[in-house]
Amino acid sequence: MNQKPEFNKHANNAATAPAYLSVWDIEAYYGESYIVQGVSFNVHEGEILALLGRNGAGKTSTLRTIARLGDPQLRHGEIWLDHKPLHEMASHEAATHGIALVPEDRRIIPGLTVEENLQLAQIAPPKGWSIDRVYDLFPRLGERRKQEGVTLSGGEQQMLSIARALCRDIKVLLLDEPYEGLAPVIVQEIAKTLEIIRDQGITTIIVEQNAVAALKLADRAVILDTGSVVYDGSAQEVLEDEKLRAEYLAI
């Protein structure tokens, strides 16, 4: 427990890069409020990482910082993706280099059908999966392609949000509370879909209050507490460590 990961802030050096995505000693703020405090972790290509912690631990802020959304503001630290310095990029540049954030509120565009939401994602290069390939992964979306996106069920909207991200040429999928408000059977369906996405080589970071479901899906886990890393290691170890789960996840 409490394994301290090794990091290399000069991850642009191919000979020494420790991981596909490397987050090194980041500090992020909302105004003057110190939210993320020296967070570091690595994620390997094609890996699913569960980023866990209690409410207010800094999980969503860490995702938003990786996506370079500008709020919170990154004031210290570095973020490297495949030897490229994300910390020097604006959000649209990070997206062009393969970062895709699926936010908790899903942000389906009103007035557009399922297919129009997907088409809009493909307007600007680089393009990712074809819409037909997306429908193969999400047959339910194919059945509802002419339905307005905001009228879908919660689970279907989550599928659409993930599908829309795949329509871009993404390398890292950032998921913020993808299971929120969904029935257990839908959670299982989305988890199976995320496993298929992993098999396609896409790296995934999942923030989720349903920690057990996230841990069952993930290869590794990072646990945050008050904006700092308190655990970095095997997801299975967290599932088996009752004391660790009770202390930091309240489960």
Protein backbone atom coordinates (compact mmCIF):
# COMPACT_ATOMS: atom_id res chain seq x y z
CA MET A 1 0.00 0.00 0.00
CA ASN A 2 1.02 3.65 -0.45
CA GLN A 3 3.47 2.75 -3.19
CA LYS A 4 5.37 5.82 -4.36
CA PRO A 5 5.53 5.85 -8.18
CA GLU A 6 8.65 6.89 -10.05
CA PHE A 7 8.37 9.84 -12.41
CA ASN A 8 10.46 11.51 -15.04
CA LYS A 9 9.55 15.10 -15.76
CA HIS A 10 11.66 14.94 -18.93
CA ALA A 11 9.30 12.42 -20.49
CA ASN A 12 9.84 13.86 -23.95
CA ASN A 13 13.00 11.77 -24.05
CA ALA A 14 11.92 8.52 -25.70
CA ALA A 15 14.72 6.59 -24.02
CA THR A 16 13.60 7.56 -20.52
CA ALA A 17 9.85 8.17 -20.83
CA PRO A 18 8.16 6.18 -18.04
CA ALA A 19 4.69 5.97 -19.51
CA TYR A 20 2.37 6.97 -22.32
CA LEU A 21 0.77 9.67 -20.16
CA SER A 22 2.83 11.16 -17.35
CA VAL A 23 1.42 13.63 -14.85
CA TRP A 24 4.24 15.17 -12.86
CA ASP A 25 3.83 17.22 -9.67
CA ILE A 26 0.86 19.25 -10.91
CA GLU A 27 -0.64 22.01 -8.81
CA ALA A 28 -3.92 23.56 -9.93
CA TYR A 29 -6.09 26.37 -8.57
CA TYR A 30 -9.56 27.83 -8.85
CA GLY A 31 -8.79 31.49 -8.24
CA GLU A 32 -6.66 31.36 -5.11
CA SER A 33 -8.04 28.04 -3.89
CA TYR A 34 -5.42 25.28 -3.93
CA ILE A 35 -7.26 22.22 -5.36
CA VAL A 36 -4.66 19.82 -6.79
CA GLN A 37 -1.51 19.63 -4.69
CA GLY A 38 1.53 18.01 -6.25
CA VAL A 39 -0.28 15.13 -7.99
CA SER A 40 1.90 12.70 -9.95
CA PHE A 41 1.06 9.43 -11.69
CA ASN A 42 1.78 7.52 -14.89
CA VAL A 43 -0.59 5.72 -17.24
CA HIS A 44 0.57 3.18 -19.80
CA GLU A 45 -0.83 2.88 -23.30
CA GLY A 46 -4.03 0.84 -23.45
CA GLU A 47 -4.42 0.87 -19.67
CA ILE A 48 -7.54 1.74 -17.67
CA LEU A 49 -6.75 3.80 -14.57
CA ALA A 50 -9.36 4.40 -11.87
CA LEU A 51 -8.82 7.84 -10.29
CA LEU A 52 -10.64 7.62 -6.97
CA GLY A 53 -11.23 9.47 -3.73
CA ARG A 54 -13.93 11.06 -1.61
CA ASN A 55 -15.95 14.07 -2.78
CA GLY A 56 -13.70 17.10 -3.01
CA ALA A 57 -10.50 15.08 -3.29
CA GLY A 58 -9.54 16.76 -6.57
CA LYS A 59 -10.44 14.02 -9.06
CA THR A 60 -12.47 16.08 -11.53
CA SER A 61 -10.03 18.97 -11.22
CA THR A 62 -7.19 16.61 -12.15
CA LEU A 63 -9.09 15.43 -15.24
CA ARG A 64 -9.85 19.01 -16.27
CA THR A 65 -6.20 19.94 -15.79
CA ILE A 66 -5.06 17.06 -18.01
CA ALA A 67 -7.58 18.18 -20.65
CA ARG A 68 -6.13 21.73 -20.35
CA LEU A 69 -9.51 23.37 -19.91
CA GLY A 70 -7.99 26.36 -18.13
CA ASP A 71 -10.22 26.05 -15.09
CA PRO A 72 -8.62 25.06 -12.76
CA GLN A 73 -5.41 26.83 -13.71
CA LEU A 74 -2.21 24.80 -13.84
CA ARG A 75 0.43 26.77 -11.95
CA HIS A 76 3.10 24.12 -11.49
CA GLY A 77 4.04 20.74 -12.89
CA GLU A 78 4.09 19.03 -16.25
CA ILE A 79 1.84 16.71 -18.25
CA TRP A 80 3.30 14.63 -21.07
CA LEU A 81 1.38 12.57 -23.62
CA ASP A 82 3.44 10.36 -25.93
CA HIS A 83 6.45 12.69 -25.41
CA LYS A 84 4.40 15.83 -26.13
CA PRO A 85 4.05 18.58 -23.47
CA LEU A 86 0.32 18.94 -22.79
CA HIS A 87 1.10 21.45 -20.05
CA GLU A 88 2.18 23.91 -22.74
CA MET A 89 -1.04 23.51 -24.75
CA ALA A 90 -4.48 25.10 -24.77
CA SER A 91 -7.53 22.83 -24.59
CA HIS A 92 -8.08 22.73 -28.37
CA GLU A 93 -4.44 21.76 -28.90
CA ALA A 94 -4.68 18.99 -26.31
CA ALA A 95 -7.81 17.73 -28.08
CA THR A 96 -5.97 17.74 -31.41
CA HIS A 97 -3.21 15.65 -29.82
CA GLY A 98 -5.71 13.04 -28.66
CA ILE A 99 -7.18 14.05 -25.29
CA ALA A 100 -10.96 13.62 -24.98
CA LEU A 101 -12.92 14.50 -21.84
CA VAL A 102 -16.44 13.12 -21.37
CA PRO A 103 -17.86 15.33 -18.60
CA GLU A 104 -20.33 14.26 -15.96
CA ASP A 105 -23.16 16.29 -17.52
CA ARG A 106 -22.50 14.64 -20.97
CA ARG A 107 -23.25 17.89 -22.86
CA ILE A 108 -25.42 16.44 -25.58
CA ILE A 109 -26.27 19.26 -28.00
CA PRO A 110 -30.00 20.13 -27.95
CA GLY A 111 -31.83 20.16 -31.26
CA LEU A 112 -29.45 17.67 -32.90
CA THR A 113 -30.16 14.02 -33.57
CA VAL A 114 -27.85 11.25 -32.43
CA GLU A 115 -26.24 11.13 -35.85
CA GLU A 116 -25.90 14.90 -36.09
CA ASN A 117 -24.09 14.93 -32.73
CA LEU A 118 -21.64 12.39 -34.14
CA GLN A 119 -21.26 14.21 -37.45
CA LEU A 120 -20.49 17.45 -35.65
CA ALA A 121 -17.63 15.74 -33.80
CA GLN A 122 -16.09 14.85 -37.15
CA ILE A 123 -16.21 18.27 -38.77
CA ALA A 124 -12.63 19.21 -37.89
CA PRO A 125 -9.64 16.89 -38.32
CA PRO A 126 -8.24 14.63 -37.09
CA LYS A 127 -11.16 12.24 -37.52
CA GLY A 128 -11.40 9.03 -35.56
CA TRP A 129 -13.85 6.16 -35.83
CA SER A 130 -16.41 6.19 -38.62
CA ILE A 131 -20.04 6.57 -37.60
CA ASP A 132 -20.76 3.04 -38.86
CA ARG A 133 -18.00 1.70 -36.61
CA VAL A 134 -19.49 3.60 -33.67
CA TYR A 135 -22.89 2.04 -34.39
CA ASP A 136 -21.26 -1.39 -34.41
CA LEU A 137 -20.02 -0.69 -30.88
CA PHE A 138 -23.29 0.96 -29.78
CA PRO A 139 -26.11 -0.73 -31.73
CA ARG A 140 -28.68 1.13 -29.65
CA LEU A 141 -27.41 4.44 -30.99
CA GLY A 142 -27.76 3.11 -34.52
CA GLU A 143 -31.39 2.27 -33.81
CA ARG A 144 -31.96 5.83 -32.55
CA ARG A 145 -29.81 7.70 -35.05
CA LYS A 146 -32.69 10.01 -36.06
CA GLN A 147 -33.81 10.68 -32.48
CA GLU A 148 -32.89 13.95 -30.78
CA GLY A 149 -29.92 13.25 -28.52
CA VAL A 150 -31.27 14.98 -25.42
CA THR A 151 -34.37 12.75 -25.45
CA LEU A 152 -32.33 9.56 -24.98
CA SER A 153 -32.24 7.74 -21.66
CA GLY A 154 -29.37 8.50 -19.28
CA GLY A 155 -27.48 5.38 -20.30
CA GLU A 156 -27.97 6.10 -23.98
CA GLN A 157 -26.77 9.68 -23.52
CA GLN A 158 -23.64 8.33 -21.84
CA MET A 159 -23.09 6.02 -24.81
CA LEU A 160 -23.53 8.97 -27.16
CA SER A 161 -21.00 11.04 -25.22
CA ILE A 162 -18.41 8.26 -25.44
CA ALA A 163 -19.27 7.61 -29.11
CA ARG A 164 -18.85 11.30 -29.90
CA ALA A 165 -15.36 11.21 -28.34
CA LEU A 166 -14.44 8.18 -30.45
CA CYS A 167 -15.39 10.08 -33.60
CA ARG A 168 -12.25 12.10 -32.92
CA ASP A 169 -8.78 10.57 -33.23
CA ILE A 170 -8.30 10.10 -29.50
CA LYS A 171 -5.44 8.57 -27.55
CA VAL A 172 -6.65 9.17 -23.99
CA LEU A 173 -10.30 9.02 -22.89
CA LEU A 174 -11.08 10.90 -19.68
CA LEU A 175 -14.40 9.85 -18.12
CA ASP A 176 -15.95 11.87 -15.30
CA GLU A 177 -18.61 9.88 -13.41
CA PRO A 178 -19.78 7.80 -16.40
CA TYR A 179 -21.99 5.58 -14.19
CA GLU A 180 -23.79 8.44 -12.44
CA GLY A 181 -27.52 7.77 -12.16
CA LEU A 182 -27.43 4.59 -14.25
CA ALA A 183 -29.02 1.24 -13.45
CA PRO A 184 -26.59 -1.60 -12.63
CA VAL A 185 -27.37 -3.42 -15.88
CA ILE A 186 -26.45 -0.29 -17.88
CA VAL A 187 -23.28 0.15 -15.82
CA GLN A 188 -22.26 -3.38 -16.79
CA GLU A 189 -23.00 -2.66 -20.44
CA ILE A 190 -20.87 0.48 -20.46
CA ALA A 191 -18.07 -1.31 -18.61
CA LYS A 192 -17.99 -4.00 -21.32
CA THR A 193 -17.85 -1.27 -23.94
CA LEU A 194 -14.90 0.38 -22.18
CA GLU A 195 -13.08 -2.96 -22.20
CA ILE A 196 -13.56 -3.14 -25.97
CA ILE A 197 -12.23 0.41 -26.29
CA ARG A 198 -9.17 -0.57 -24.23
CA ASP A 199 -8.60 -3.50 -26.58
CA GLN A 200 -8.40 -0.94 -29.40
CA GLY A 201 -5.37 0.60 -27.67
CA ILE A 202 -7.11 3.64 -26.20
CA THR A 203 -5.90 4.68 -22.75
CA THR A 204 -8.66 5.51 -20.25
CA ILE A 205 -8.84 7.38 -16.94
CA ILE A 206 -12.13 6.96 -15.12
CA VAL A 207 -13.30 9.10 -12.19
CA GLU A 208 -16.22 7.40 -10.50
CA GLN A 209 -18.00 7.46 -7.13
CA ASN A 210 -19.04 3.86 -7.75
CA ALA A 211 -15.53 2.83 -6.76
CA VAL A 212 -16.15 -0.91 -6.78
CA ALA A 213 -17.43 -0.85 -10.37
CA ALA A 214 -14.48 1.30 -11.45
CA LEU A 215 -11.96 -0.95 -9.69
CA LYS A 216 -13.39 -4.09 -11.28
CA LEU A 217 -12.88 -2.48 -14.68
CA ALA A 218 -9.48 -0.87 -14.07
CA ASP A 219 -5.96 -2.23 -14.32
CA ARG A 220 -4.60 0.23 -11.79
CA ALA A 221 -5.88 2.75 -9.28
CA VAL A 222 -4.74 6.12 -8.02
CA ILE A 223 -6.45 7.43 -4.88
CA LEU A 224 -6.50 11.14 -4.05
CA ASP A 225 -7.12 12.67 -0.65
CA THR A 226 -7.40 16.46 -0.28
CA GLY A 227 -5.71 16.99 -3.62
CA SER A 228 -2.75 14.65 -3.12
CA VAL A 229 -1.94 11.07 -4.13
CA VAL A 230 -2.18 8.62 -1.22
CA TYR A 231 -2.13 5.39 -3.24
CA ASP A 232 -0.85 4.32 -6.65
CA GLY A 233 -0.98 0.65 -7.47
CA SER A 234 -3.07 -2.35 -8.39
CA ALA A 235 -6.84 -1.94 -8.64
CA GLN A 236 -7.22 -5.49 -7.37
CA GLU A 237 -5.22 -4.64 -4.26
CA VAL A 238 -7.66 -1.84 -3.42
CA LEU A 239 -10.59 -4.24 -3.86
CA GLU A 240 -8.94 -6.66 -1.43
CA ASP A 241 -7.76 -4.07 1.13
CA GLU A 242 -10.73 -3.29 3.37
CA LYS A 243 -8.76 -0.86 5.53
CA LEU A 244 -7.61 1.17 2.53
CA ARG A 245 -11.12 1.35 1.09
CA ALA A 246 -12.61 2.37 4.41
CA GLU A 247 -10.04 5.10 5.04
CA TYR A 248 -10.05 6.78 1.65
CA LEU A 249 -13.17 5.63 -0.20
CA ALA A 250 -15.67 5.06 2.62
CA ILE A 251 -16.63 1.62 1.22
